[in-house]
């Protein structure tokens, strides 16, 4: 079954992509939740027209994302955490704290677009995370976990 996605779905595709999915997945999950529409001939024509009109806007967003990626790759942010005597963090640093630190630095990035490599961060130090700024534009940021 072919469907046109109405929103980004991790592991499947981005908004406005035409993807092939299993019949049950499309019929029982994607279509009832409004995450996709069936790719009929008329929907494909409407989708093509919409994509034509949106091409200019997409190009502008792509250029902005590339400029932000340049700035972010050179930036090192600091994330504060409560630390015990042995240097171990109470809890762990998550993408929520990184998103907040990026917001303080002037970058608005949703937390679901931040992917921390490895398991949880439980020690102070310097780490990296991948940030997706646009469909295929990602960058790695460096952040330092310091004690508060």
N, C-alpha and C. Protein backbone atom coordinates (compact mmCIF):
# COMPACT_ATOMS: atom_id res chain seq x y z
N UNK A 1 0.84 -1.17 0.00
CA UNK A 1 0.00 0.00 0.00
C UNK A 1 0.89 1.24 0.00
N UNK A 2 0.58 2.20 -0.84
CA UNK A 2 1.32 3.45 -0.87
C UNK A 2 0.51 4.54 -0.20
N UNK A 3 1.20 5.32 0.64
CA UNK A 3 0.55 6.42 1.35
C UNK A 3 1.42 7.67 1.23
N UNK A 4 0.80 8.81 1.44
CA UNK A 4 1.50 10.09 1.48
C UNK A 4 1.47 10.54 2.93
N UNK A 5 2.63 10.74 3.52
CA UNK A 5 2.73 11.10 4.93
C UNK A 5 2.31 12.54 5.17
N UNK A 6 1.57 12.76 6.25
CA UNK A 6 1.14 14.10 6.62
C UNK A 6 2.03 14.71 7.69
N UNK A 7 2.93 13.89 8.26
CA UNK A 7 3.87 14.38 9.27
C UNK A 7 5.11 13.49 9.25
N UNK A 8 6.17 13.96 9.90
CA UNK A 8 7.40 13.17 9.99
C UNK A 8 7.16 11.96 10.89
N UNK A 9 7.58 10.79 10.43
CA UNK A 9 7.47 9.58 11.24
C UNK A 9 8.86 8.94 11.25
N UNK A 10 9.43 8.85 12.45
CA UNK A 10 10.79 8.33 12.60
C UNK A 10 10.86 6.91 12.07
N UNK A 11 11.85 6.66 11.24
CA UNK A 11 12.05 5.34 10.67
C UNK A 11 11.25 5.07 9.42
N UNK A 12 10.32 5.96 9.05
CA UNK A 12 9.49 5.73 7.88
C UNK A 12 9.72 6.80 6.81
N UNK A 13 9.65 8.08 7.21
CA UNK A 13 9.86 9.15 6.24
C UNK A 13 9.46 10.49 6.80
N UNK A 14 9.55 11.49 5.95
CA UNK A 14 9.24 12.86 6.32
C UNK A 14 7.89 13.27 5.76
N UNK A 15 7.40 14.40 6.23
CA UNK A 15 6.12 14.93 5.76
C UNK A 15 6.17 15.07 4.24
N UNK A 16 5.07 14.72 3.59
CA UNK A 16 4.89 14.81 2.14
C UNK A 16 5.67 13.76 1.34
N UNK A 17 6.27 12.79 2.00
CA UNK A 17 6.92 11.69 1.27
C UNK A 17 5.88 10.66 0.89
N UNK A 18 6.06 10.06 -0.28
CA UNK A 18 5.20 8.95 -0.69
C UNK A 18 5.96 7.68 -0.38
N UNK A 19 5.42 6.86 0.53
CA UNK A 19 6.12 5.66 0.96
C UNK A 19 5.23 4.44 0.81
N UNK A 20 5.88 3.29 0.71
CA UNK A 20 5.16 2.03 0.63
C UNK A 20 5.21 1.39 2.01
N UNK A 21 4.04 1.02 2.54
CA UNK A 21 3.95 0.41 3.87
C UNK A 21 3.13 -0.87 3.78
N UNK A 22 3.21 -1.67 4.82
CA UNK A 22 2.40 -2.87 4.88
C UNK A 22 0.92 -2.48 4.97
N UNK A 23 0.06 -3.28 4.38
CA UNK A 23 -1.37 -2.96 4.36
C UNK A 23 -1.93 -2.74 5.76
N UNK A 24 -1.61 -3.62 6.69
CA UNK A 24 -2.14 -3.51 8.05
C UNK A 24 -1.65 -2.26 8.75
N UNK A 25 -0.39 -1.93 8.60
CA UNK A 25 0.18 -0.73 9.22
C UNK A 25 -0.50 0.52 8.71
N UNK A 26 -0.70 0.58 7.40
CA UNK A 26 -1.36 1.75 6.82
C UNK A 26 -2.82 1.83 7.20
N UNK A 27 -3.54 0.72 7.06
CA UNK A 27 -4.99 0.70 7.28
C UNK A 27 -5.35 0.82 8.77
N UNK A 28 -4.56 0.21 9.65
CA UNK A 28 -4.91 0.16 11.07
C UNK A 28 -4.24 1.23 11.92
N UNK A 29 -3.16 1.82 11.43
CA UNK A 29 -2.46 2.80 12.26
C UNK A 29 -2.35 4.17 11.61
N UNK A 30 -1.71 4.24 10.44
CA UNK A 30 -1.42 5.54 9.82
C UNK A 30 -2.68 6.28 9.39
N UNK A 31 -3.58 5.61 8.67
CA UNK A 31 -4.78 6.28 8.16
C UNK A 31 -5.74 6.70 9.28
N UNK A 32 -6.09 5.83 10.24
CA UNK A 32 -7.02 6.27 11.29
C UNK A 32 -6.49 7.39 12.17
N UNK A 33 -5.18 7.43 12.40
CA UNK A 33 -4.59 8.48 13.24
C UNK A 33 -4.36 9.77 12.46
N UNK A 34 -4.62 9.78 11.17
CA UNK A 34 -4.45 10.99 10.37
C UNK A 34 -2.99 11.31 10.08
N UNK A 35 -2.14 10.32 10.18
CA UNK A 35 -0.72 10.53 9.92
C UNK A 35 -0.39 10.42 8.44
N UNK A 36 -1.31 9.86 7.66
CA UNK A 36 -1.08 9.66 6.24
C UNK A 36 -2.41 9.59 5.51
N UNK A 37 -2.34 9.76 4.18
CA UNK A 37 -3.52 9.58 3.33
C UNK A 37 -3.15 8.57 2.25
N UNK A 38 -4.14 7.87 1.77
CA UNK A 38 -3.93 6.87 0.73
C UNK A 38 -3.47 7.56 -0.55
N UNK A 39 -2.48 6.99 -1.22
CA UNK A 39 -1.89 7.59 -2.42
C UNK A 39 -2.70 7.18 -3.65
N UNK A 40 -3.89 7.76 -3.81
CA UNK A 40 -4.69 7.51 -5.01
C UNK A 40 -4.21 8.44 -6.12
N UNK A 41 -4.71 8.24 -7.33
CA UNK A 41 -4.28 9.06 -8.47
C UNK A 41 -4.57 10.55 -8.23
N UNK A 42 -5.75 10.85 -7.69
CA UNK A 42 -6.10 12.26 -7.45
C UNK A 42 -5.24 12.85 -6.32
N UNK A 43 -4.95 12.09 -5.29
CA UNK A 43 -4.12 12.59 -4.19
C UNK A 43 -2.68 12.82 -4.65
N UNK A 44 -2.20 11.96 -5.56
CA UNK A 44 -0.85 12.13 -6.08
C UNK A 44 -0.75 13.41 -6.90
N UNK A 45 -1.81 13.72 -7.70
CA UNK A 45 -1.82 14.96 -8.48
C UNK A 45 -1.85 16.18 -7.56
N UNK A 46 -2.69 16.12 -6.53
CA UNK A 46 -2.76 17.23 -5.58
C UNK A 46 -1.43 17.40 -4.85
N UNK A 47 -0.82 16.29 -4.50
CA UNK A 47 0.47 16.32 -3.82
C UNK A 47 1.54 16.94 -4.71
N UNK A 48 1.55 16.60 -5.98
CA UNK A 48 2.53 17.16 -6.92
C UNK A 48 2.36 18.67 -7.05
N UNK A 49 1.13 19.12 -7.13
CA UNK A 49 0.87 20.56 -7.22
C UNK A 49 1.29 21.28 -5.94
N UNK A 50 1.01 20.70 -4.81
CA UNK A 50 1.40 21.29 -3.53
C UNK A 50 2.92 21.38 -3.43
N UNK A 51 3.61 20.33 -3.85
CA UNK A 51 5.07 20.31 -3.78
C UNK A 51 5.68 21.36 -4.71
N UNK A 52 5.06 21.60 -5.87
CA UNK A 52 5.53 22.64 -6.79
C UNK A 52 5.46 24.00 -6.13
N UNK A 53 4.34 24.26 -5.46
CA UNK A 53 4.14 25.55 -4.82
C UNK A 53 5.06 25.72 -3.61
N UNK A 54 5.42 24.64 -2.98
CA UNK A 54 6.21 24.70 -1.76
C UNK A 54 7.72 24.67 -2.03
N UNK A 55 8.13 24.50 -3.25
CA UNK A 55 9.55 24.33 -3.59
C UNK A 55 10.39 25.55 -3.17
N UNK A 56 9.90 26.75 -3.41
CA UNK A 56 10.65 27.96 -3.06
C UNK A 56 10.84 28.05 -1.55
N UNK A 57 9.79 27.79 -0.80
CA UNK A 57 9.86 27.85 0.65
C UNK A 57 10.84 26.81 1.19
N UNK A 58 10.82 25.61 0.61
CA UNK A 58 11.73 24.56 1.04
C UNK A 58 13.19 24.95 0.80
N UNK A 59 13.46 25.59 -0.31
CA UNK A 59 14.83 26.01 -0.61
C UNK A 59 15.32 27.03 0.42
N UNK A 60 14.45 27.94 0.80
CA UNK A 60 14.81 28.96 1.79
C UNK A 60 15.07 28.31 3.15
N UNK A 61 14.21 27.36 3.55
CA UNK A 61 14.40 26.66 4.81
C UNK A 61 15.69 25.85 4.81
N UNK A 62 16.01 25.23 3.68
CA UNK A 62 17.23 24.44 3.56
C UNK A 62 18.46 25.33 3.74
N UNK A 63 18.45 26.53 3.13
CA UNK A 63 19.58 27.45 3.26
C UNK A 63 19.75 27.92 4.70
N UNK A 64 18.63 28.22 5.37
CA UNK A 64 18.69 28.63 6.77
C UNK A 64 19.24 27.50 7.64
N UNK A 65 18.83 26.27 7.36
CA UNK A 65 19.29 25.13 8.14
C UNK A 65 20.79 24.90 7.94
N UNK A 66 21.28 25.09 6.72
CA UNK A 66 22.71 24.93 6.47
C UNK A 66 23.52 25.99 7.21
N UNK A 67 23.00 27.23 7.25
CA UNK A 67 23.69 28.29 7.97
C UNK A 67 23.71 27.99 9.47
N UNK A 68 22.59 27.50 9.99
CA UNK A 68 22.53 27.14 11.41
C UNK A 68 23.47 25.97 11.72
N UNK A 69 23.56 25.02 10.81
CA UNK A 69 24.45 23.87 11.00
C UNK A 69 25.90 24.33 11.11
N UNK A 70 26.28 25.30 10.29
CA UNK A 70 27.64 25.84 10.36
C UNK A 70 27.91 26.44 11.74
N UNK A 71 26.97 27.24 12.22
CA UNK A 71 27.14 27.90 13.52
C UNK A 71 27.15 26.88 14.65
N UNK A 72 26.24 25.91 14.60
CA UNK A 72 26.15 24.92 15.67
C UNK A 72 27.38 24.03 15.76
N UNK A 73 27.98 23.70 14.62
CA UNK A 73 29.13 22.81 14.64
C UNK A 73 30.34 23.47 15.31
N UNK A 74 30.37 24.78 15.36
CA UNK A 74 31.48 25.50 15.98
C UNK A 74 31.19 25.86 17.43
N UNK A 75 29.96 25.63 17.87
CA UNK A 75 29.52 26.03 19.20
C UNK A 75 29.72 24.91 20.21
N UNK A 76 30.15 25.25 21.41
CA UNK A 76 30.20 24.31 22.52
C UNK A 76 29.32 24.87 23.62
N UNK A 77 28.31 24.11 24.01
CA UNK A 77 27.40 24.58 25.04
C UNK A 77 27.70 23.87 26.35
N UNK A 78 27.27 24.50 27.44
CA UNK A 78 27.47 23.90 28.76
C UNK A 78 26.12 23.54 29.35
N UNK A 79 26.05 22.33 29.88
CA UNK A 79 24.84 21.83 30.52
C UNK A 79 25.17 21.59 31.98
N UNK A 80 24.45 22.25 32.86
CA UNK A 80 24.69 22.09 34.29
C UNK A 80 23.92 20.91 34.85
N UNK A 81 24.54 20.21 35.80
CA UNK A 81 23.89 19.07 36.44
C UNK A 81 24.39 18.96 37.87
N UNK A 82 23.54 18.41 38.73
CA UNK A 82 23.94 18.20 40.11
C UNK A 82 24.86 16.99 40.16
N UNK A 83 26.01 17.17 40.81
CA UNK A 83 27.04 16.15 40.81
C UNK A 83 27.38 15.75 42.24
N UNK A 84 27.59 14.45 42.45
CA UNK A 84 28.00 13.95 43.76
C UNK A 84 29.50 14.13 43.95
N UNK A 85 30.00 13.64 45.08
CA UNK A 85 31.42 13.80 45.40
C UNK A 85 32.33 13.05 44.43
N UNK A 86 31.87 11.93 43.90
CA UNK A 86 32.72 11.13 43.01
C UNK A 86 32.70 11.63 41.56
N UNK A 87 31.97 12.70 41.27
CA UNK A 87 31.89 13.23 39.91
C UNK A 87 30.76 12.62 39.11
N UNK A 88 29.95 11.81 39.77
CA UNK A 88 28.82 11.16 39.10
C UNK A 88 27.58 12.06 39.21
N UNK A 89 26.81 12.10 38.14
CA UNK A 89 25.62 12.95 38.07
C UNK A 89 24.44 12.24 38.73
N UNK A 90 23.64 13.02 39.46
CA UNK A 90 22.39 12.49 39.98
C UNK A 90 21.40 12.45 38.82
N UNK A 91 20.99 11.28 38.39
CA UNK A 91 20.14 11.15 37.21
C UNK A 91 21.02 11.08 35.98
N UNK A 92 20.57 11.69 34.88
CA UNK A 92 21.39 11.73 33.67
C UNK A 92 20.99 12.96 32.85
N UNK A 93 21.87 13.33 31.94
CA UNK A 93 21.61 14.46 31.05
C UNK A 93 20.84 13.91 29.84
N UNK A 94 19.73 14.57 29.51
CA UNK A 94 18.89 14.13 28.40
C UNK A 94 18.84 15.20 27.32
N UNK A 95 18.13 14.87 26.24
CA UNK A 95 17.99 15.83 25.15
C UNK A 95 17.17 17.06 25.57
N UNK A 96 16.40 16.95 26.63
CA UNK A 96 15.63 18.10 27.12
C UNK A 96 16.57 19.19 27.63
N UNK A 97 17.56 18.80 28.44
CA UNK A 97 18.51 19.79 28.95
C UNK A 97 19.35 20.39 27.82
N UNK A 98 19.67 19.58 26.83
CA UNK A 98 20.46 20.10 25.70
C UNK A 98 19.63 21.09 24.90
N UNK A 99 18.34 20.80 24.70
CA UNK A 99 17.45 21.72 23.99
C UNK A 99 17.33 23.04 24.74
N UNK A 100 17.24 22.98 26.06
CA UNK A 100 17.17 24.21 26.86
C UNK A 100 18.45 25.02 26.76
N UNK A 101 19.60 24.33 26.80
CA UNK A 101 20.89 25.03 26.67
C UNK A 101 21.03 25.66 25.28
N UNK A 102 20.56 24.97 24.25
CA UNK A 102 20.60 25.54 22.90
C UNK A 102 19.68 26.74 22.79
N UNK A 103 18.54 26.70 23.48
CA UNK A 103 17.62 27.83 23.47
C UNK A 103 18.27 29.06 24.11
N UNK A 104 19.02 28.85 25.19
CA UNK A 104 19.74 29.96 25.83
C UNK A 104 20.82 30.52 24.91
N UNK A 105 21.38 29.65 24.04
CA UNK A 105 22.40 30.09 23.09
C UNK A 105 21.78 30.74 21.85
N UNK A 106 20.45 30.71 21.74
CA UNK A 106 19.78 31.38 20.62
C UNK A 106 19.31 30.47 19.51
N UNK A 107 19.30 29.16 19.72
CA UNK A 107 18.86 28.21 18.71
C UNK A 107 17.63 27.48 19.20
N UNK A 108 16.54 27.56 18.45
CA UNK A 108 15.31 26.87 18.81
C UNK A 108 15.26 25.54 18.08
N UNK A 109 15.48 24.46 18.83
CA UNK A 109 15.49 23.12 18.26
C UNK A 109 14.63 22.22 19.15
N UNK A 110 13.73 21.48 18.52
CA UNK A 110 12.88 20.58 19.28
C UNK A 110 13.71 19.45 19.85
N UNK A 111 13.33 18.99 21.02
CA UNK A 111 14.12 17.95 21.69
C UNK A 111 14.09 16.62 20.94
N UNK A 112 13.02 16.37 20.18
CA UNK A 112 12.96 15.11 19.45
C UNK A 112 13.92 15.07 18.27
N UNK A 113 14.50 16.21 17.92
CA UNK A 113 15.47 16.28 16.84
C UNK A 113 16.91 16.18 17.34
N UNK A 114 17.07 15.98 18.65
CA UNK A 114 18.39 15.86 19.25
C UNK A 114 18.61 14.40 19.64
N UNK A 115 19.70 13.82 19.17
CA UNK A 115 20.00 12.41 19.44
C UNK A 115 21.37 12.32 20.11
N UNK A 116 21.37 11.87 21.37
CA UNK A 116 22.62 11.72 22.11
C UNK A 116 23.19 10.34 21.84
N UNK A 117 24.48 10.28 21.48
CA UNK A 117 25.12 9.01 21.22
C UNK A 117 25.34 8.27 22.54
N UNK A 118 25.20 6.96 22.51
CA UNK A 118 25.44 6.14 23.68
C UNK A 118 24.23 6.10 24.60
N UNK A 119 24.43 5.49 25.77
CA UNK A 119 23.36 5.43 26.77
C UNK A 119 23.22 6.79 27.43
N UNK A 120 22.74 6.82 28.64
CA UNK A 120 22.59 8.08 29.35
C UNK A 120 23.94 8.66 29.74
N UNK A 121 24.00 9.95 29.89
CA UNK A 121 25.22 10.63 30.30
C UNK A 121 25.16 10.77 31.81
N UNK A 122 26.08 10.11 32.49
CA UNK A 122 26.04 10.05 33.94
C UNK A 122 27.31 10.60 34.60
N UNK A 123 28.23 11.17 33.82
CA UNK A 123 29.47 11.73 34.35
C UNK A 123 29.69 13.11 33.73
N UNK A 124 30.44 13.94 34.42
CA UNK A 124 30.80 15.22 33.83
C UNK A 124 31.81 14.97 32.72
N UNK A 125 31.88 15.89 31.78
CA UNK A 125 32.82 15.74 30.67
C UNK A 125 32.27 16.35 29.40
N UNK A 126 32.94 16.08 28.29
CA UNK A 126 32.55 16.60 26.99
C UNK A 126 31.97 15.48 26.15
N UNK A 127 30.82 15.75 25.53
CA UNK A 127 30.10 14.76 24.74
C UNK A 127 29.62 15.39 23.45
N UNK A 128 29.13 14.55 22.53
CA UNK A 128 28.56 15.04 21.29
C UNK A 128 27.14 14.51 21.13
N UNK A 129 26.37 15.24 20.35
CA UNK A 129 25.00 14.83 20.03
C UNK A 129 24.72 15.24 18.59
N UNK A 130 23.86 14.46 17.92
CA UNK A 130 23.45 14.80 16.56
C UNK A 130 22.17 15.62 16.62
N UNK A 131 22.12 16.66 15.82
CA UNK A 131 20.94 17.52 15.75
C UNK A 131 20.47 17.54 14.31
N UNK A 132 19.18 17.23 14.11
CA UNK A 132 18.59 17.29 12.76
C UNK A 132 17.90 18.63 12.62
N UNK A 133 18.39 19.44 11.69
CA UNK A 133 17.85 20.77 11.48
C UNK A 133 16.81 20.82 10.37
N UNK A 134 16.96 19.97 9.39
CA UNK A 134 16.02 19.89 8.28
C UNK A 134 16.02 18.45 7.81
N UNK A 135 15.21 18.10 6.87
CA UNK A 135 15.07 16.70 6.44
C UNK A 135 16.38 15.93 6.40
N UNK A 136 17.33 16.39 5.62
CA UNK A 136 18.58 15.66 5.46
C UNK A 136 19.78 16.45 5.95
N UNK A 137 19.55 17.51 6.70
CA UNK A 137 20.65 18.33 7.20
C UNK A 137 20.80 18.07 8.70
N UNK A 138 21.90 17.41 9.05
CA UNK A 138 22.20 17.15 10.45
C UNK A 138 23.59 17.68 10.75
N UNK A 139 23.83 17.94 12.00
CA UNK A 139 25.14 18.38 12.44
C UNK A 139 25.41 17.81 13.82
N UNK A 140 26.66 17.72 14.17
CA UNK A 140 27.02 17.27 15.50
C UNK A 140 27.39 18.49 16.34
N UNK A 141 26.84 18.52 17.55
CA UNK A 141 27.18 19.59 18.47
C UNK A 141 28.00 19.00 19.61
N UNK A 142 28.84 19.83 20.18
CA UNK A 142 29.64 19.44 21.33
C UNK A 142 29.06 20.13 22.55
N UNK A 143 28.85 19.35 23.60
CA UNK A 143 28.38 19.96 24.84
C UNK A 143 29.17 19.42 26.01
N UNK A 144 29.30 20.28 26.98
CA UNK A 144 30.10 19.95 28.15
C UNK A 144 29.18 19.89 29.36
N UNK A 145 29.24 18.80 30.08
CA UNK A 145 28.45 18.63 31.30
C UNK A 145 29.30 19.10 32.46
N UNK A 146 28.82 20.12 33.17
CA UNK A 146 29.54 20.70 34.30
C UNK A 146 28.68 20.63 35.54
N UNK A 147 29.31 20.70 36.70
CA UNK A 147 28.58 20.66 37.96
C UNK A 147 27.98 22.03 38.26
N UNK A 148 26.80 22.01 38.84
CA UNK A 148 26.12 23.26 39.19
C UNK A 148 26.56 23.75 40.54
